[in-house]
PDB file of N, CA and C in Angstrom:
ATOM      1  N   UNK A   1     -30.408  -9.724 -25.958  1.00  0.00           N
ATOM      2  CA  UNK A   1     -30.293  -8.419 -26.586  1.00  0.00           C
ATOM      3  C   UNK A   1     -29.029  -8.388 -27.438  1.00  0.00           C
ATOM      4  N   UNK A   2     -29.131  -7.739 -28.533  1.00  0.00           N
ATOM      5  CA  UNK A   2     -28.024  -7.677 -29.474  1.00  0.00           C
ATOM      6  C   UNK A   2     -26.776  -7.059 -28.859  1.00  0.00           C
ATOM      7  N   UNK A   3     -26.931  -6.023 -28.066  1.00  0.00           N
ATOM      8  CA  UNK A   3     -25.775  -5.349 -27.480  1.00  0.00           C
ATOM      9  C   UNK A   3     -25.022  -6.233 -26.496  1.00  0.00           C
ATOM     10  N   UNK A   4     -25.654  -7.252 -25.973  1.00  0.00           N
ATOM     11  CA  UNK A   4     -25.022  -8.114 -24.981  1.00  0.00           C
ATOM     12  C   UNK A   4     -24.319  -9.323 -25.578  1.00  0.00           C
ATOM     13  N   UNK A   5     -24.359  -9.481 -26.876  1.00  0.00           N
ATOM     14  CA  UNK A   5     -23.724 -10.618 -27.539  1.00  0.00           C
ATOM     15  C   UNK A   5     -22.652 -10.088 -28.471  1.00  0.00           C
ATOM     16  N   UNK A   6     -21.496 -10.732 -28.446  1.00  0.00           N
ATOM     17  CA  UNK A   6     -20.378 -10.336 -29.298  1.00  0.00           C
ATOM     18  C   UNK A   6     -20.761 -10.508 -30.772  1.00  0.00           C
ATOM     19  N   UNK A   7     -20.928  -9.405 -31.485  1.00  0.00           N
ATOM     20  CA  UNK A   7     -21.384  -9.484 -32.880  1.00  0.00           C
ATOM     21  C   UNK A   7     -20.295  -9.951 -33.829  1.00  0.00           C
ATOM     22  N   UNK A   8     -19.047 -10.087 -33.359  1.00  0.00           N
ATOM     23  CA  UNK A   8     -17.993 -10.565 -34.246  1.00  0.00           C
ATOM     24  C   UNK A   8     -17.918 -12.079 -34.287  1.00  0.00           C
ATOM     25  N   UNK A   9     -18.563 -12.764 -33.400  1.00  0.00           N
ATOM     26  CA  UNK A   9     -18.495 -14.229 -33.422  1.00  0.00           C
ATOM     27  C   UNK A   9     -19.571 -14.900 -32.611  1.00  0.00           C
ATOM     28  N   UNK A  10     -19.831 -14.384 -31.440  1.00  0.00           N
ATOM     29  CA  UNK A  10     -20.767 -15.024 -30.522  1.00  0.00           C
ATOM     30  C   UNK A  10     -22.172 -15.150 -31.061  1.00  0.00           C
ATOM     31  N   UNK A  11     -22.642 -14.143 -31.746  1.00  0.00           N
ATOM     32  CA  UNK A  11     -24.014 -14.179 -32.246  1.00  0.00           C
ATOM     33  C   UNK A  11     -24.177 -15.259 -33.306  1.00  0.00           C
ATOM     34  N   UNK A  12     -23.143 -15.479 -34.114  1.00  0.00           N
ATOM     35  CA  UNK A  12     -23.234 -16.486 -35.172  1.00  0.00           C
ATOM     36  C   UNK A  12     -23.234 -17.891 -34.577  1.00  0.00           C
ATOM     37  N   UNK A  13     -22.475 -18.104 -33.514  1.00  0.00           N
ATOM     38  CA  UNK A  13     -22.513 -19.394 -32.821  1.00  0.00           C
ATOM     39  C   UNK A  13     -23.887 -19.609 -32.202  1.00  0.00           C
ATOM     40  N   UNK A  14     -24.441 -18.551 -31.624  1.00  0.00           N
ATOM     41  CA  UNK A  14     -25.775 -18.637 -31.034  1.00  0.00           C
ATOM     42  C   UNK A  14     -26.818 -18.948 -32.109  1.00  0.00           C
ATOM     43  N   UNK A  15     -26.725 -18.285 -33.245  1.00  0.00           N
ATOM     44  CA  UNK A  15     -27.654 -18.544 -34.348  1.00  0.00           C
ATOM     45  C   UNK A  15     -27.568 -20.002 -34.802  1.00  0.00           C
ATOM     46  N   UNK A  16     -26.341 -20.540 -34.935  1.00  0.00           N
ATOM     47  CA  UNK A  16     -26.189 -21.943 -35.345  1.00  0.00           C
ATOM     48  C   UNK A  16     -26.853 -22.881 -34.341  1.00  0.00           C
ATOM     49  N   UNK A  17     -26.654 -22.617 -33.061  1.00  0.00           N
ATOM     50  CA  UNK A  17     -27.252 -23.440 -32.021  1.00  0.00           C
ATOM     51  C   UNK A  17     -28.777 -23.372 -32.077  1.00  0.00           C
ATOM     52  N   UNK A  18     -29.315 -22.162 -32.210  1.00  0.00           N
ATOM     53  CA  UNK A  18     -30.769 -22.003 -32.289  1.00  0.00           C
ATOM     54  C   UNK A  18     -31.334 -22.731 -33.500  1.00  0.00           C
ATOM     55  N   UNK A  19     -30.600 -22.681 -34.603  1.00  0.00           N
ATOM     56  CA  UNK A  19     -31.044 -23.355 -35.822  1.00  0.00           C
ATOM     57  C   UNK A  19     -31.000 -24.877 -35.643  1.00  0.00           C
ATOM     58  N   UNK A  20     -29.926 -25.384 -35.024  1.00  0.00           N
ATOM     59  CA  UNK A  20     -29.813 -26.825 -34.783  1.00  0.00           C
ATOM     60  C   UNK A  20     -30.944 -27.337 -33.900  1.00  0.00           C
ATOM     61  N   UNK A  21     -31.342 -26.527 -32.922  1.00  0.00           N
ATOM     62  CA  UNK A  21     -32.402 -26.909 -32.001  1.00  0.00           C
ATOM     63  C   UNK A  21     -33.798 -26.582 -32.527  1.00  0.00           C
ATOM     64  N   UNK A  22     -33.846 -25.965 -33.722  1.00  0.00           N
ATOM     65  CA  UNK A  22     -35.119 -25.527 -34.317  1.00  0.00           C
ATOM     66  C   UNK A  22     -35.891 -24.645 -33.327  1.00  0.00           C
ATOM     67  N   UNK A  23     -35.186 -23.720 -32.747  1.00  0.00           N
ATOM     68  CA  UNK A  23     -35.714 -22.852 -31.696  1.00  0.00           C
ATOM     69  C   UNK A  23     -36.094 -21.499 -32.288  1.00  0.00           C
ATOM     70  N   UNK A  24     -37.314 -21.048 -32.049  1.00  0.00           N
ATOM     71  CA  UNK A  24     -37.706 -19.717 -32.503  1.00  0.00           C
ATOM     72  C   UNK A  24     -37.368 -18.708 -31.407  1.00  0.00           C
ATOM     73  N   UNK A  25     -37.096 -17.481 -31.809  1.00  0.00           N
ATOM     74  CA  UNK A  25     -36.656 -16.477 -30.844  1.00  0.00           C
ATOM     75  C   UNK A  25     -37.058 -15.081 -31.291  1.00  0.00           C
ATOM     76  N   UNK A  26     -36.934 -14.156 -30.367  1.00  0.00           N
ATOM     77  CA  UNK A  26     -37.119 -12.730 -30.656  1.00  0.00           C
ATOM     78  C   UNK A  26     -35.779 -12.045 -30.477  1.00  0.00           C
ATOM     79  N   UNK A  27     -35.422 -11.189 -31.408  1.00  0.00           N
ATOM     80  CA  UNK A  27     -34.190 -10.408 -31.301  1.00  0.00           C
ATOM     81  C   UNK A  27     -34.557  -9.026 -30.784  1.00  0.00           C
ATOM     82  N   UNK A  28     -34.057  -8.693 -29.617  1.00  0.00           N
ATOM     83  CA  UNK A  28     -34.297  -7.374 -29.038  1.00  0.00           C
ATOM     84  C   UNK A  28     -33.075  -6.516 -29.354  1.00  0.00           C
ATOM     85  N   UNK A  29     -33.275  -5.449 -30.095  1.00  0.00           N
ATOM     86  CA  UNK A  29     -32.142  -4.630 -30.515  1.00  0.00           C
ATOM     87  C   UNK A  29     -32.536  -3.164 -30.566  1.00  0.00           C
ATOM     88  N   UNK A  30     -31.610  -2.311 -30.138  1.00  0.00           N
ATOM     89  CA  UNK A  30     -31.833  -0.882 -30.319  1.00  0.00           C
ATOM     90  C   UNK A  30     -31.451  -0.523 -31.755  1.00  0.00           C
ATOM     91  N   UNK A  31     -31.932   0.591 -32.228  1.00  0.00           N
ATOM     92  CA  UNK A  31     -31.695   1.011 -33.598  1.00  0.00           C
ATOM     93  C   UNK A  31     -30.225   1.157 -33.941  1.00  0.00           C
ATOM     94  N   UNK A  32     -29.446   1.687 -33.027  1.00  0.00           N
ATOM     95  CA  UNK A  32     -28.015   1.892 -33.280  1.00  0.00           C
ATOM     96  C   UNK A  32     -27.298   0.564 -33.485  1.00  0.00           C
ATOM     97  N   UNK A  33     -27.626  -0.432 -32.670  1.00  0.00           N
ATOM     98  CA  UNK A  33     -27.017  -1.756 -32.836  1.00  0.00           C
ATOM     99  C   UNK A  33     -27.380  -2.344 -34.191  1.00  0.00           C
ATOM    100  N   UNK A  34     -28.629  -2.154 -34.593  1.00  0.00           N
ATOM    101  CA  UNK A  34     -29.071  -2.662 -35.894  1.00  0.00           C
ATOM    102  C   UNK A  34     -28.330  -1.959 -37.035  1.00  0.00           C
ATOM    103  N   UNK A  35     -28.051  -0.668 -36.878  1.00  0.00           N
ATOM    104  CA  UNK A  35     -27.280   0.067 -37.897  1.00  0.00           C
ATOM    105  C   UNK A  35     -25.847  -0.451 -37.988  1.00  0.00           C
ATOM    106  N   UNK A  36     -25.267  -0.763 -36.833  1.00  0.00           N
ATOM    107  CA  UNK A  36     -23.878  -1.215 -36.799  1.00  0.00           C
ATOM    108  C   UNK A  36     -23.706  -2.660 -37.256  1.00  0.00           C
ATOM    109  N   UNK A  37     -24.757  -3.453 -37.130  1.00  0.00           N
ATOM    110  CA  UNK A  37     -24.667  -4.872 -37.489  1.00  0.00           C
ATOM    111  C   UNK A  37     -25.911  -5.312 -38.255  1.00  0.00           C
ATOM    112  N   UNK A  38     -26.140  -4.752 -39.441  1.00  0.00           N
ATOM    113  CA  UNK A  38     -27.352  -5.100 -40.188  1.00  0.00           C
ATOM    114  C   UNK A  38     -27.416  -6.572 -40.591  1.00  0.00           C
ATOM    115  N   UNK A  39     -26.284  -7.204 -40.798  1.00  0.00           N
ATOM    116  CA  UNK A  39     -26.285  -8.622 -41.187  1.00  0.00           C
ATOM    117  C   UNK A  39     -26.855  -9.497 -40.072  1.00  0.00           C
ATOM    118  N   UNK A  40     -26.629  -9.096 -38.832  1.00  0.00           N
ATOM    119  CA  UNK A  40     -27.149  -9.847 -37.686  1.00  0.00           C
ATOM    120  C   UNK A  40     -28.679  -9.805 -37.696  1.00  0.00           C
ATOM    121  N   UNK A  41     -29.222  -8.630 -37.943  1.00  0.00           N
ATOM    122  CA  UNK A  41     -30.675  -8.462 -37.976  1.00  0.00           C
ATOM    123  C   UNK A  41     -31.265  -9.180 -39.191  1.00  0.00           C
ATOM    124  N   UNK A  42     -30.622  -9.046 -40.332  1.00  0.00           N
ATOM    125  CA  UNK A  42     -31.093  -9.705 -41.549  1.00  0.00           C
ATOM    126  C   UNK A  42     -31.143 -11.219 -41.363  1.00  0.00           C
ATOM    127  N   UNK A  43     -30.105 -11.781 -40.774  1.00  0.00           N
ATOM    128  CA  UNK A  43     -30.078 -13.225 -40.541  1.00  0.00           C
ATOM    129  C   UNK A  43     -31.178 -13.655 -39.580  1.00  0.00           C
ATOM    130  N   UNK A  44     -31.421 -12.854 -38.545  1.00  0.00           N
ATOM    131  CA  UNK A  44     -32.503 -13.167 -37.610  1.00  0.00           C
ATOM    132  C   UNK A  44     -33.843 -13.193 -38.336  1.00  0.00           C
ATOM    133  N   UNK A  45     -34.067 -12.226 -39.207  1.00  0.00           N
ATOM    134  CA  UNK A  45     -35.307 -12.190 -39.992  1.00  0.00           C
ATOM    135  C   UNK A  45     -35.397 -13.432 -40.880  1.00  0.00           C
ATOM    136  N   UNK A  46     -34.282 -13.790 -41.524  1.00  0.00           N
ATOM    137  CA  UNK A  46     -34.257 -14.975 -42.388  1.00  0.00           C
ATOM    138  C   UNK A  46     -34.548 -16.252 -41.608  1.00  0.00           C
ATOM    139  N   UNK A  47     -34.206 -16.266 -40.322  1.00  0.00           N
ATOM    140  CA  UNK A  47     -34.451 -17.428 -39.465  1.00  0.00           C
ATOM    141  C   UNK A  47     -35.873 -17.423 -38.901  1.00  0.00           C
ATOM    142  N   UNK A  48     -36.644 -16.390 -39.217  1.00  0.00           N
ATOM    143  CA  UNK A  48     -38.019 -16.322 -38.751  1.00  0.00           C
ATOM    144  C   UNK A  48     -38.192 -15.670 -37.394  1.00  0.00           C
ATOM    145  N   UNK A  49     -37.169 -14.963 -36.935  1.00  0.00           N
ATOM    146  CA  UNK A  49     -37.230 -14.313 -35.624  1.00  0.00           C
ATOM    147  C   UNK A  49     -38.148 -13.098 -35.654  1.00  0.00           C
ATOM    148  N   UNK A  50     -38.705 -12.812 -34.504  1.00  0.00           N
ATOM    149  CA  UNK A  50     -39.452 -11.568 -34.317  1.00  0.00           C
ATOM    150  C   UNK A  50     -38.438 -10.506 -33.910  1.00  0.00           C
ATOM    151  N   UNK A  51     -38.447  -9.363 -34.557  1.00  0.00           N
ATOM    152  CA  UNK A  51     -37.532  -8.274 -34.229  1.00  0.00           C
ATOM    153  C   UNK A  51     -38.268  -7.307 -33.303  1.00  0.00           C
ATOM    154  N   UNK A  52     -37.669  -7.037 -32.162  1.00  0.00           N
ATOM    155  CA  UNK A  52     -38.273  -6.160 -31.159  1.00  0.00           C
ATOM    156  C   UNK A  52     -37.424  -4.896 -31.067  1.00  0.00           C
ATOM    157  N   UNK A  53     -38.018  -3.748 -31.364  1.00  0.00           N
ATOM    158  CA  UNK A  53     -37.303  -2.471 -31.292  1.00  0.00           C
ATOM    159  C   UNK A  53     -37.225  -2.020 -29.841  1.00  0.00           C
ATOM    160  N   UNK A  54     -36.093  -1.437 -29.513  1.00  0.00           N
ATOM    161  CA  UNK A  54     -35.879  -0.995 -28.143  1.00  0.00           C
ATOM    162  C   UNK A  54     -35.264   0.397 -28.125  1.00  0.00           C
ATOM    163  N   UNK A  55     -35.902   1.347 -28.795  1.00  0.00           N
ATOM    164  CA  UNK A  55     -35.362   2.702 -28.851  1.00  0.00           C
ATOM    165  C   UNK A  55     -34.220   2.807 -29.835  1.00  0.00           C
ATOM    166  N   UNK A  56     -33.514   3.932 -29.803  1.00  0.00           N
ATOM    167  CA  UNK A  56     -32.411   4.122 -30.741  1.00  0.00           C
ATOM    168  C   UNK A  56     -31.080   3.620 -30.191  1.00  0.00           C
ATOM    169  N   UNK A  57     -30.793   3.911 -28.928  1.00  0.00           N
ATOM    170  CA  UNK A  57     -29.542   3.409 -28.342  1.00  0.00           C
ATOM    171  C   UNK A  57     -29.707   3.235 -26.846  1.00  0.00           C
ATOM    172  N   UNK A  58     -28.852   2.385 -26.306  1.00  0.00           N
ATOM    173  CA  UNK A  58     -28.898   2.135 -24.872  1.00  0.00           C
ATOM    174  C   UNK A  58     -28.045   3.172 -24.155  1.00  0.00           C
ATOM    175  N   UNK A  59     -28.524   3.664 -23.042  1.00  0.00           N
ATOM    176  CA  UNK A  59     -27.760   4.592 -22.210  1.00  0.00           C
ATOM    177  C   UNK A  59     -27.759   4.019 -20.795  1.00  0.00           C
ATOM    178  N   UNK A  60     -26.579   3.808 -20.265  1.00  0.00           N
ATOM    179  CA  UNK A  60     -26.499   3.325 -18.892  1.00  0.00           C
ATOM    180  C   UNK A  60     -27.002   4.383 -17.946  1.00  0.00           C
ATOM    181  N   UNK A  61     -27.772   3.969 -16.964  1.00  0.00           N
ATOM    182  CA  UNK A  61     -28.388   4.930 -16.058  1.00  0.00           C
ATOM    183  C   UNK A  61     -27.363   5.734 -15.265  1.00  0.00           C
ATOM    184  N   UNK A  62     -26.163   5.206 -15.079  1.00  0.00           N
ATOM    185  CA  UNK A  62     -25.158   5.947 -14.326  1.00  0.00           C
ATOM    186  C   UNK A  62     -24.688   7.197 -15.074  1.00  0.00           C
ATOM    187  N   UNK A  63     -24.982   7.280 -16.388  1.00  0.00           N
ATOM    188  CA  UNK A  63     -24.601   8.452 -17.181  1.00  0.00           C
ATOM    189  C   UNK A  63     -25.742   9.442 -17.364  1.00  0.00           C
ATOM    190  N   UNK A  64     -26.903   9.139 -16.829  1.00  0.00           N
ATOM    191  CA  UNK A  64     -28.055  10.014 -16.964  1.00  0.00           C
ATOM    192  C   UNK A  64     -28.085  10.987 -15.784  1.00  0.00           C
ATOM    193  N   UNK A  65     -28.240  12.260 -16.090  1.00  0.00           N
ATOM    194  CA  UNK A  65     -28.265  13.294 -15.052  1.00  0.00           C
ATOM    195  C   UNK A  65     -29.549  13.154 -14.244  1.00  0.00           C
ATOM    196  N   UNK A  66     -29.443  13.002 -12.960  1.00  0.00           N
ATOM    197  CA  UNK A  66     -30.623  12.842 -12.096  1.00  0.00           C
ATOM    198  C   UNK A  66     -31.439  14.128 -11.982  1.00  0.00           C
ATOM    199  N   UNK A  67     -30.828  15.277 -12.278  1.00  0.00           N
ATOM    200  CA  UNK A  67     -31.523  16.567 -12.164  1.00  0.00           C
ATOM    201  C   UNK A  67     -32.181  16.990 -13.464  1.00  0.00           C
ATOM    202  N   UNK A  68     -31.900  16.285 -14.555  1.00  0.00           N
ATOM    203  CA  UNK A  68     -32.410  16.691 -15.875  1.00  0.00           C
ATOM    204  C   UNK A  68     -33.851  16.269 -16.062  1.00  0.00           C
TER     205      UNK A  68
END
């Protein structure tokens, strides 16, 4: 998932490795992450990745009101 990889460096190292191994992949990203890092998504598309939408943003369950 895009939110779990450091978009300032880690994702680019991962992309290089995937490219070296000729490995196809799916990028799972919420809309907010894609807005914040469009180059990451664009590069995944250029590499032939399948883009999987996962809502607009991630919310940790500990912040969700159990009574709502």
